[in-house]
């Protein structure tokens, strides 16, 4: 393993492992620096490595036939990329690439598969992480359908900042537009509005969050739904979702309304 610049405990999954499990996992790990757009998992390609991110953010992209893509979820220090390996799936449908540059500990597929019976705590954590990731992707899909760009952009900036654990985001307007699936001009207008309200500052290749409370007021309920699921499933912390008091069923019948019903 290359001498690391960032300790493996910066990844929240690794940090929660007992020392014996941590040592075993890291015995097969390689420290890798990751530049922006570095491919980690290719769509319709083999999943050869698991990546435990210690800095930066990766985006899971749904790829379209015209070669475009839209972000469906993000993974940072809170999880593992290449979770298909955990489920013994060899080919990914989605592409995963680095959105914000950073670093990760990379473990080969076969090594991780062989170790899993000796990693009970990691196995339990990965089960919970898989549920969280499904929740993230599902809520993100609903948000993209129902909510205006300003709310979605505020949620996205907050999510990236929380994963990085810092307010400075190494991002361009063009990249944000790709992740949100909207025109670059729309993102520029939205970020300009945020900046004029003192919520952020922007300069070339960087967006800095100044007013977290203000951004939280500008976003939709989806941010708190995802954050609540993350707290419960990854960090074992009690957290109340804004959906808790919404009437969703009567007896065994769903009463959730159609979007345009």
C-alpha atoms as a PDB file:
ATOM      1  CA  UNK A   1       0.000   0.000   0.000  1.00  0.00           C
ATOM      2  CA  UNK A   2       1.321   3.422  -1.001  1.00  0.00           C
ATOM      3  CA  UNK A   3       2.174   5.691   1.940  1.00  0.00           C
ATOM      4  CA  UNK A   4      -1.127   7.563   2.466  1.00  0.00           C
ATOM      5  CA  UNK A   5      -1.564  11.310   2.635  1.00  0.00           C
ATOM      6  CA  UNK A   6      -4.969  10.893   4.283  1.00  0.00           C
ATOM      7  CA  UNK A   7      -5.606   8.266   6.950  1.00  0.00           C
ATOM      8  CA  UNK A   8      -8.136   5.518   6.135  1.00  0.00           C
ATOM      9  CA  UNK A   9     -10.231   6.506   9.169  1.00  0.00           C
ATOM     10  CA  UNK A  10     -11.321   9.573   7.189  1.00  0.00           C
ATOM     11  CA  UNK A  11     -13.773   7.166   5.533  1.00  0.00           C
ATOM     12  CA  UNK A  12     -16.738   6.733   7.860  1.00  0.00           C
ATOM     13  CA  UNK A  13     -17.195   3.033   7.102  1.00  0.00           C
ATOM     14  CA  UNK A  14     -13.562   2.230   7.883  1.00  0.00           C
ATOM     15  CA  UNK A  15     -13.618   4.417  10.988  1.00  0.00           C
ATOM     16  CA  UNK A  16     -16.383   2.267  12.509  1.00  0.00           C
ATOM     17  CA  UNK A  17     -14.541  -1.040  12.019  1.00  0.00           C
ATOM     18  CA  UNK A  18     -12.865  -2.859  14.919  1.00  0.00           C
ATOM     19  CA  UNK A  19      -9.097  -2.840  14.579  1.00  0.00           C
ATOM     20  CA  UNK A  20      -8.840  -6.458  13.408  1.00  0.00           C
ATOM     21  CA  UNK A  21     -11.303  -5.881  10.542  1.00  0.00           C
ATOM     22  CA  UNK A  22      -9.664  -2.604   9.632  1.00  0.00           C
ATOM     23  CA  UNK A  23      -6.218  -4.193   9.454  1.00  0.00           C
ATOM     24  CA  UNK A  24      -7.493  -7.056   7.298  1.00  0.00           C
ATOM     25  CA  UNK A  25      -9.285  -4.751   4.862  1.00  0.00           C
ATOM     26  CA  UNK A  26      -6.327  -2.404   4.541  1.00  0.00           C
ATOM     27  CA  UNK A  27      -3.911  -5.285   3.961  1.00  0.00           C
ATOM     28  CA  UNK A  28      -5.350  -5.500   0.440  1.00  0.00           C
ATOM     29  CA  UNK A  29      -5.856  -1.747  -0.076  1.00  0.00           C
ATOM     30  CA  UNK A  30      -3.981   0.686  -2.280  1.00  0.00           C
ATOM     31  CA  UNK A  31      -4.061   4.463  -1.690  1.00  0.00           C
ATOM     32  CA  UNK A  32      -4.996   6.286  -4.920  1.00  0.00           C
ATOM     33  CA  UNK A  33      -5.228  10.007  -5.673  1.00  0.00           C
ATOM     34  CA  UNK A  34      -8.286  10.802  -7.768  1.00  0.00           C
ATOM     35  CA  UNK A  35      -8.620  13.703 -10.198  1.00  0.00           C
ATOM     36  CA  UNK A  36     -11.907  15.206 -11.385  1.00  0.00           C
ATOM     37  CA  UNK A  37     -13.790  12.888 -13.766  1.00  0.00           C
ATOM     38  CA  UNK A  38     -11.606   9.910 -12.854  1.00  0.00           C
ATOM     39  CA  UNK A  39     -13.612   6.838 -13.819  1.00  0.00           C
ATOM     40  CA  UNK A  40     -14.218   4.455 -10.905  1.00  0.00           C
ATOM     41  CA  UNK A  41     -16.924   2.209 -12.354  1.00  0.00           C
ATOM     42  CA  UNK A  42     -17.912   2.112 -16.018  1.00  0.00           C
ATOM     43  CA  UNK A  43     -21.508   1.725 -17.170  1.00  0.00           C
ATOM     44  CA  UNK A  44     -22.058  -1.791 -18.524  1.00  0.00           C
ATOM     45  CA  UNK A  45     -18.485  -2.602 -17.532  1.00  0.00           C
ATOM     46  CA  UNK A  46     -16.909  -4.916 -14.951  1.00  0.00           C
ATOM     47  CA  UNK A  47     -16.678  -3.737 -11.344  1.00  0.00           C
ATOM     48  CA  UNK A  48     -13.053  -4.514 -10.578  1.00  0.00           C
ATOM     49  CA  UNK A  49     -12.472  -2.541  -7.362  1.00  0.00           C
ATOM     50  CA  UNK A  50     -14.180  -1.242  -4.250  1.00  0.00           C
ATOM     51  CA  UNK A  51     -13.250   2.360  -3.415  1.00  0.00           C
ATOM     52  CA  UNK A  52     -13.366   3.778   0.118  1.00  0.00           C
ATOM     53  CA  UNK A  53     -13.256   7.548  -0.396  1.00  0.00           C
ATOM     54  CA  UNK A  54     -11.266   9.588   2.130  1.00  0.00           C
ATOM     55  CA  UNK A  55     -11.513  12.922   0.280  1.00  0.00           C
ATOM     56  CA  UNK A  56     -13.615  14.208  -2.604  1.00  0.00           C
ATOM     57  CA  UNK A  57     -17.019  13.208  -3.944  1.00  0.00           C
ATOM     58  CA  UNK A  58     -18.042  10.629  -6.544  1.00  0.00           C
ATOM     59  CA  UNK A  59     -21.185  10.838  -8.668  1.00  0.00           C
ATOM     60  CA  UNK A  60     -23.296   7.908  -9.801  1.00  0.00           C
ATOM     61  CA  UNK A  61     -24.584   8.777 -13.277  1.00  0.00           C
ATOM     62  CA  UNK A  62     -27.516   7.342 -15.192  1.00  0.00           C
ATOM     63  CA  UNK A  63     -26.202   7.283 -18.762  1.00  0.00           C
ATOM     64  CA  UNK A  64     -28.470   7.888 -21.774  1.00  0.00           C
ATOM     65  CA  UNK A  65     -28.147   6.540 -25.320  1.00  0.00           C
ATOM     66  CA  UNK A  66     -27.036   9.957 -26.593  1.00  0.00           C
ATOM     67  CA  UNK A  67     -24.005   9.875 -24.284  1.00  0.00           C
ATOM     68  CA  UNK A  68     -25.375  12.349 -21.740  1.00  0.00           C
ATOM     69  CA  UNK A  69     -25.806  11.540 -18.084  1.00  0.00           C
ATOM     70  CA  UNK A  70     -27.647  12.752 -14.982  1.00  0.00           C
ATOM     71  CA  UNK A  71     -26.506  12.289 -11.412  1.00  0.00           C
ATOM     72  CA  UNK A  72     -28.682   9.932  -9.370  1.00  0.00           C
ATOM     73  CA  UNK A  73     -26.611   9.787  -6.156  1.00  0.00           C
ATOM     74  CA  UNK A  74     -23.325  10.881  -4.600  1.00  0.00           C
ATOM     75  CA  UNK A  75     -20.858   8.968  -2.450  1.00  0.00           C
ATOM     76  CA  UNK A  76     -18.122  10.527  -0.375  1.00  0.00           C
ATOM     77  CA  UNK A  77     -16.489   9.680   2.915  1.00  0.00           C
ATOM     78  CA  UNK A  78     -19.743   8.117   4.083  1.00  0.00           C
ATOM     79  CA  UNK A  79     -19.572   5.002   1.935  1.00  0.00           C
ATOM     80  CA  UNK A  80     -18.047   2.657  -0.601  1.00  0.00           C
ATOM     81  CA  UNK A  81     -18.021   2.839  -4.389  1.00  0.00           C
ATOM     82  CA  UNK A  82     -18.325  -0.459  -6.209  1.00  0.00           C
ATOM     83  CA  UNK A  83     -20.989  -1.728  -3.805  1.00  0.00           C
ATOM     84  CA  UNK A  84     -22.019  -4.164  -6.582  1.00  0.00           C
ATOM     85  CA  UNK A  85     -19.094  -6.314  -5.388  1.00  0.00           C
ATOM     86  CA  UNK A  86     -20.697  -6.650  -1.970  1.00  0.00           C
ATOM     87  CA  UNK A  87     -23.854  -7.992  -3.640  1.00  0.00           C
ATOM     88  CA  UNK A  88     -21.771 -10.322  -5.857  1.00  0.00           C
ATOM     89  CA  UNK A  89     -22.768  -8.421  -9.007  1.00  0.00           C
ATOM     90  CA  UNK A  90     -20.002  -8.233 -11.594  1.00  0.00           C
ATOM     91  CA  UNK A  91     -21.326  -5.579 -14.032  1.00  0.00           C
ATOM     92  CA  UNK A  92     -22.649  -2.084 -13.232  1.00  0.00           C
ATOM     93  CA  UNK A  93     -25.514  -0.394 -15.071  1.00  0.00           C
ATOM     94  CA  UNK A  94     -24.499   3.113 -13.991  1.00  0.00           C
ATOM     95  CA  UNK A  95     -21.210   4.982 -14.353  1.00  0.00           C
ATOM     96  CA  UNK A  96     -19.427   6.319 -11.277  1.00  0.00           C
ATOM     97  CA  UNK A  97     -16.798   9.056 -11.586  1.00  0.00           C
ATOM     98  CA  UNK A  98     -15.163  11.658  -9.368  1.00  0.00           C
ATOM     99  CA  UNK A  99     -17.159  14.861  -9.123  1.00  0.00           C
ATOM    100  CA  UNK A 100     -14.769  16.610  -6.704  1.00  0.00           C
ATOM    101  CA  UNK A 101     -11.123  15.444  -6.767  1.00  0.00           C
ATOM    102  CA  UNK A 102      -9.762  13.617  -3.756  1.00  0.00           C
ATOM    103  CA  UNK A 103      -8.408  10.204  -2.778  1.00  0.00           C
ATOM    104  CA  UNK A 104      -9.538   6.696  -1.871  1.00  0.00           C
ATOM    105  CA  UNK A 105      -8.354   3.319  -0.663  1.00  0.00           C
ATOM    106  CA  UNK A 106      -8.908   0.804  -3.464  1.00  0.00           C
ATOM    107  CA  UNK A 107      -9.486  -2.913  -2.792  1.00  0.00           C
ATOM    108  CA  UNK A 108      -9.568  -5.488  -5.634  1.00  0.00           C
ATOM    109  CA  UNK A 109     -12.871  -7.305  -6.189  1.00  0.00           C
ATOM    110  CA  UNK A 110     -11.662 -10.819  -5.465  1.00  0.00           C
ATOM    111  CA  UNK A 111      -9.768  -9.752  -2.357  1.00  0.00           C
ATOM    112  CA  UNK A 112     -12.870  -8.109  -0.887  1.00  0.00           C
ATOM    113  CA  UNK A 113     -15.115 -11.052  -1.772  1.00  0.00           C
ATOM    114  CA  UNK A 114     -12.677 -13.424  -0.056  1.00  0.00           C
ATOM    115  CA  UNK A 115     -12.466 -11.225   3.063  1.00  0.00           C
ATOM    116  CA  UNK A 116     -16.185 -10.567   3.571  1.00  0.00           C
ATOM    117  CA  UNK A 117     -16.858 -13.617   5.802  1.00  0.00           C
ATOM    118  CA  UNK A 118     -14.171 -12.234   8.151  1.00  0.00           C
ATOM    119  CA  UNK A 119     -15.635  -8.721   8.082  1.00  0.00           C
ATOM    120  CA  UNK A 120     -18.977  -8.971   9.925  1.00  0.00           C
ATOM    121  CA  UNK A 121     -19.098  -5.328  11.042  1.00  0.00           C
ATOM    122  CA  UNK A 122     -18.325  -4.045   7.539  1.00  0.00           C
ATOM    123  CA  UNK A 123     -20.916  -6.449   6.117  1.00  0.00           C
ATOM    124  CA  UNK A 124     -23.609  -5.071   8.436  1.00  0.00           C
ATOM    125  CA  UNK A 125     -22.594  -1.492   7.609  1.00  0.00           C
ATOM    126  CA  UNK A 126     -22.704  -2.153   3.867  1.00  0.00           C
ATOM    127  CA  UNK A 127     -26.224  -3.585   4.130  1.00  0.00           C
ATOM    128  CA  UNK A 128     -27.334  -0.330   5.745  1.00  0.00           C
ATOM    129  CA  UNK A 129     -25.370   1.766   3.273  1.00  0.00           C
ATOM    130  CA  UNK A 130     -27.125   0.001   0.366  1.00  0.00           C
ATOM    131  CA  UNK A 131     -30.524   0.945   1.836  1.00  0.00           C
ATOM    132  CA  UNK A 132     -29.377   4.543   2.284  1.00  0.00           C
ATOM    133  CA  UNK A 133     -28.110   4.706  -1.296  1.00  0.00           C
ATOM    134  CA  UNK A 134     -31.452   3.444  -2.613  1.00  0.00           C
ATOM    135  CA  UNK A 135     -33.238   6.102  -0.524  1.00  0.00           C
ATOM    136  CA  UNK A 136     -30.906   8.788  -1.883  1.00  0.00           C
ATOM    137  CA  UNK A 137     -31.481   7.759  -5.511  1.00  0.00           C
ATOM    138  CA  UNK A 138     -35.247   7.431  -5.043  1.00  0.00           C
ATOM    139  CA  UNK A 139     -35.659  10.820  -3.312  1.00  0.00           C
ATOM    140  CA  UNK A 140     -33.337  12.432  -5.852  1.00  0.00           C
ATOM    141  CA  UNK A 141     -35.508  11.103  -8.664  1.00  0.00           C
ATOM    142  CA  UNK A 142     -38.660  12.509  -7.065  1.00  0.00           C
ATOM    143  CA  UNK A 143     -36.937  15.834  -6.398  1.00  0.00           C
ATOM    144  CA  UNK A 144     -35.834  16.160 -10.025  1.00  0.00           C
ATOM    145  CA  UNK A 145     -39.430  15.590 -11.130  1.00  0.00           C
ATOM    146  CA  UNK A 146     -41.240  17.806  -8.637  1.00  0.00           C
ATOM    147  CA  UNK A 147     -39.036  20.696  -7.507  1.00  0.00           C
ATOM    148  CA  UNK A 148     -37.652  23.819  -9.227  1.00  0.00           C
ATOM    149  CA  UNK A 149     -33.983  24.212 -10.096  1.00  0.00           C
ATOM    150  CA  UNK A 150     -33.228  26.634  -7.239  1.00  0.00           C
ATOM    151  CA  UNK A 151     -34.377  24.150  -4.596  1.00  0.00           C
ATOM    152  CA  UNK A 152     -32.514  21.289  -6.286  1.00  0.00           C
ATOM    153  CA  UNK A 153     -29.326  23.337  -6.629  1.00  0.00           C
ATOM    154  CA  UNK A 154     -29.392  24.390  -2.957  1.00  0.00           C
ATOM    155  CA  UNK A 155     -29.920  20.765  -1.905  1.00  0.00           C
ATOM    156  CA  UNK A 156     -27.081  19.594  -4.134  1.00  0.00           C
ATOM    157  CA  UNK A 157     -24.620  22.185  -2.779  1.00  0.00           C
ATOM    158  CA  UNK A 158     -25.517  21.302   0.807  1.00  0.00           C
ATOM    159  CA  UNK A 159     -25.129  17.575   0.132  1.00  0.00           C
ATOM    160  CA  UNK A 160     -21.703  18.005  -1.455  1.00  0.00           C
ATOM    161  CA  UNK A 161     -20.528  20.263   1.378  1.00  0.00           C
ATOM    162  CA  UNK A 162     -21.738  17.833   4.051  1.00  0.00           C
ATOM    163  CA  UNK A 163     -19.945  14.941   2.359  1.00  0.00           C
ATOM    164  CA  UNK A 164     -16.715  16.907   1.983  1.00  0.00           C
ATOM    165  CA  UNK A 165     -17.051  18.317   5.515  1.00  0.00           C
ATOM    166  CA  UNK A 166     -15.995  21.754   4.280  1.00  0.00           C
ATOM    167  CA  UNK A 167     -17.745  24.772   2.666  1.00  0.00           C
ATOM    168  CA  UNK A 168     -15.295  25.187  -0.244  1.00  0.00           C
ATOM    169  CA  UNK A 169     -16.435  23.180  -3.278  1.00  0.00           C
ATOM    170  CA  UNK A 170     -14.096  22.692  -6.238  1.00  0.00           C
ATOM    171  CA  UNK A 171     -16.797  22.905  -8.920  1.00  0.00           C
ATOM    172  CA  UNK A 172     -17.532  24.681 -12.202  1.00  0.00           C
ATOM    173  CA  UNK A 173     -20.917  25.944 -13.403  1.00  0.00           C
ATOM    174  CA  UNK A 174     -20.730  23.527 -16.312  1.00  0.00           C
ATOM    175  CA  UNK A 175     -20.209  20.568 -14.022  1.00  0.00           C
ATOM    176  CA  UNK A 176     -23.076  21.585 -11.725  1.00  0.00           C
ATOM    177  CA  UNK A 177     -25.344  21.875 -14.778  1.00  0.00           C
ATOM    178  CA  UNK A 178     -24.462  18.331 -15.847  1.00  0.00           C
ATOM    179  CA  UNK A 179     -25.118  16.938 -12.376  1.00  0.00           C
ATOM    180  CA  UNK A 180     -28.516  18.656 -12.175  1.00  0.00           C
ATOM    181  CA  UNK A 181     -29.440  17.885 -15.783  1.00  0.00           C
ATOM    182  CA  UNK A 182     -30.141  21.532 -16.715  1.00  0.00           C
ATOM    183  CA  UNK A 183     -28.601  24.173 -18.984  1.00  0.00           C
ATOM    184  CA  UNK A 184     -25.411  25.895 -17.844  1.00  0.00           C
ATOM    185  CA  UNK A 185     -27.105  29.311 -18.167  1.00  0.00           C
ATOM    186  CA  UNK A 186     -29.782  28.152 -15.716  1.00  0.00           C
ATOM    187  CA  UNK A 187     -27.129  27.173 -13.165  1.00  0.00           C
ATOM    188  CA  UNK A 188     -25.288  30.470 -13.662  1.00  0.00           C
ATOM    189  CA  UNK A 189     -28.501  32.418 -13.017  1.00  0.00           C
ATOM    190  CA  UNK A 190     -29.283  30.329  -9.933  1.00  0.00           C
ATOM    191  CA  UNK A 191     -25.804  30.696  -8.448  1.00  0.00           C
ATOM    192  CA  UNK A 192     -25.857  34.438  -9.188  1.00  0.00           C
ATOM    193  CA  UNK A 193     -29.116  34.694  -7.267  1.00  0.00           C
ATOM    194  CA  UNK A 194     -27.595  32.806  -4.325  1.00  0.00           C
ATOM    195  CA  UNK A 195     -24.544  35.052  -4.403  1.00  0.00           C
ATOM    196  CA  UNK A 196     -26.604  38.256  -4.459  1.00  0.00           C
ATOM    197  CA  UNK A 197     -28.423  37.010  -1.337  1.00  0.00           C
ATOM    198  CA  UNK A 198     -25.160  36.320   0.482  1.00  0.00           C
ATOM    199  CA  UNK A 199     -25.604  32.543   0.489  1.00  0.00           C
ATOM    200  CA  UNK A 200     -22.451  31.700  -1.487  1.00  0.00           C
ATOM    201  CA  UNK A 201     -19.468  33.220  -3.242  1.00  0.00           C
ATOM    202  CA  UNK A 202     -18.145  32.005  -6.579  1.00  0.00           C
ATOM    203  CA  UNK A 203     -14.885  32.245  -8.428  1.00  0.00           C
ATOM    204  CA  UNK A 204     -13.236  30.191 -11.146  1.00  0.00           C
ATOM    205  CA  UNK A 205     -13.650  26.483 -10.340  1.00  0.00           C
ATOM    206  CA  UNK A 206     -14.833  27.124  -6.787  1.00  0.00           C
ATOM    207  CA  UNK A 207     -18.104  27.717  -4.958  1.00  0.00           C
ATOM    208  CA  UNK A 208     -17.947  28.596  -1.251  1.00  0.00           C
ATOM    209  CA  UNK A 209     -20.984  28.231   0.990  1.00  0.00           C
ATOM    210  CA  UNK A 210     -21.388  31.228   3.315  1.00  0.00           C
ATOM    211  CA  UNK A 211     -24.861  30.849   4.805  1.00  0.00           C
ATOM    212  CA  UNK A 212     -25.849  27.218   5.476  1.00  0.00           C
ATOM    213  CA  UNK A 213     -29.115  28.191   7.181  1.00  0.00           C
ATOM    214  CA  UNK A 214     -30.026  30.376   4.224  1.00  0.00           C
ATOM    215  CA  UNK A 215     -29.392  27.541   1.772  1.00  0.00           C
ATOM    216  CA  UNK A 216     -31.435  25.170   3.909  1.00  0.00           C
ATOM    217  CA  UNK A 217     -34.307  27.650   3.751  1.00  0.00           C
ATOM    218  CA  UNK A 218     -33.911  27.804  -0.039  1.00  0.00           C
ATOM    219  CA  UNK A 219     -34.054  24.052  -0.571  1.00  0.00           C
ATOM    220  CA  UNK A 220     -36.877  21.516  -0.464  1.00  0.00           C
ATOM    221  CA  UNK A 221     -37.798  18.821   2.044  1.00  0.00           C
ATOM    222  CA  UNK A 222     -35.729  16.294   0.065  1.00  0.00           C
ATOM    223  CA  UNK A 223     -32.504  17.517   1.651  1.00  0.00           C
ATOM    224  CA  UNK A 224     -33.739  16.737   5.155  1.00  0.00           C
ATOM    225  CA  UNK A 225     -35.289  13.415   4.063  1.00  0.00           C
ATOM    226  CA  UNK A 226     -31.938  12.240   2.675  1.00  0.00           C
ATOM    227  CA  UNK A 227     -29.954  13.651   5.596  1.00  0.00           C
ATOM    228  CA  UNK A 228     -32.291  11.981   8.086  1.00  0.00           C
ATOM    229  CA  UNK A 229     -31.889   8.603   6.351  1.00  0.00           C
ATOM    230  CA  UNK A 230     -28.121   9.077   6.310  1.00  0.00           C
ATOM    231  CA  UNK A 231     -28.030   9.809  10.059  1.00  0.00           C
ATOM    232  CA  UNK A 232     -30.130   6.744  10.926  1.00  0.00           C
ATOM    233  CA  UNK A 233     -28.647   4.212   8.533  1.00  0.00           C
ATOM    234  CA  UNK A 234     -24.966   5.163   8.416  1.00  0.00           C
ATOM    235  CA  UNK A 235     -24.309   6.864  11.749  1.00  0.00           C
ATOM    236  CA  UNK A 236     -26.907   5.141  13.964  1.00  0.00           C
ATOM    237  CA  UNK A 237     -28.203   8.512  15.139  1.00  0.00           C
ATOM    238  CA  UNK A 238     -31.902   9.170  15.833  1.00  0.00           C
ATOM    239  CA  UNK A 239     -33.299  11.589  13.282  1.00  0.00           C
ATOM    240  CA  UNK A 240     -36.819  12.694  12.433  1.00  0.00           C
ATOM    241  CA  UNK A 241     -37.739  12.919   8.755  1.00  0.00           C
ATOM    242  CA  UNK A 242     -40.048  15.740   7.531  1.00  0.00           C
ATOM    243  CA  UNK A 243     -42.181  12.947   6.037  1.00  0.00           C
ATOM    244  CA  UNK A 244     -42.980  11.561   9.471  1.00  0.00           C
ATOM    245  CA  UNK A 245     -46.200  13.542   9.960  1.00  0.00           C
ATOM    246  CA  UNK A 246     -47.388  13.390   6.343  1.00  0.00           C
ATOM    247  CA  UNK A 247     -50.554  11.296   5.965  1.00  0.00           C
ATOM    248  CA  UNK A 248     -49.500   8.574   3.545  1.00  0.00           C
ATOM    249  CA  UNK A 249     -51.976   5.762   4.148  1.00  0.00           C
ATOM    250  CA  UNK A 250     -55.277   4.750   5.703  1.00  0.00           C
ATOM    251  CA  UNK A 251     -55.203   1.234   7.042  1.00  0.00           C
ATOM    252  CA  UNK A 252     -53.599  -0.858   4.316  1.00  0.00           C
ATOM    253  CA  UNK A 253     -54.356   1.635   1.529  1.00  0.00           C
ATOM    254  CA  UNK A 254     -51.957   4.255   0.191  1.00  0.00           C
ATOM    255  CA  UNK A 255     -53.428   7.743  -0.052  1.00  0.00           C
ATOM    256  CA  UNK A 256     -50.326   9.342  -1.587  1.00  0.00           C
ATOM    257  CA  UNK A 257     -51.621  11.568  -4.377  1.00  0.00           C
ATOM    258  CA  UNK A 258     -50.622  11.424  -8.020  1.00  0.00           C
ATOM    259  CA  UNK A 259     -48.354  14.388  -8.925  1.00  0.00           C
ATOM    260  CA  UNK A 260     -50.972  15.894 -11.244  1.00  0.00           C
ATOM    261  CA  UNK A 261     -54.069  14.172  -9.891  1.00  0.00           C
END
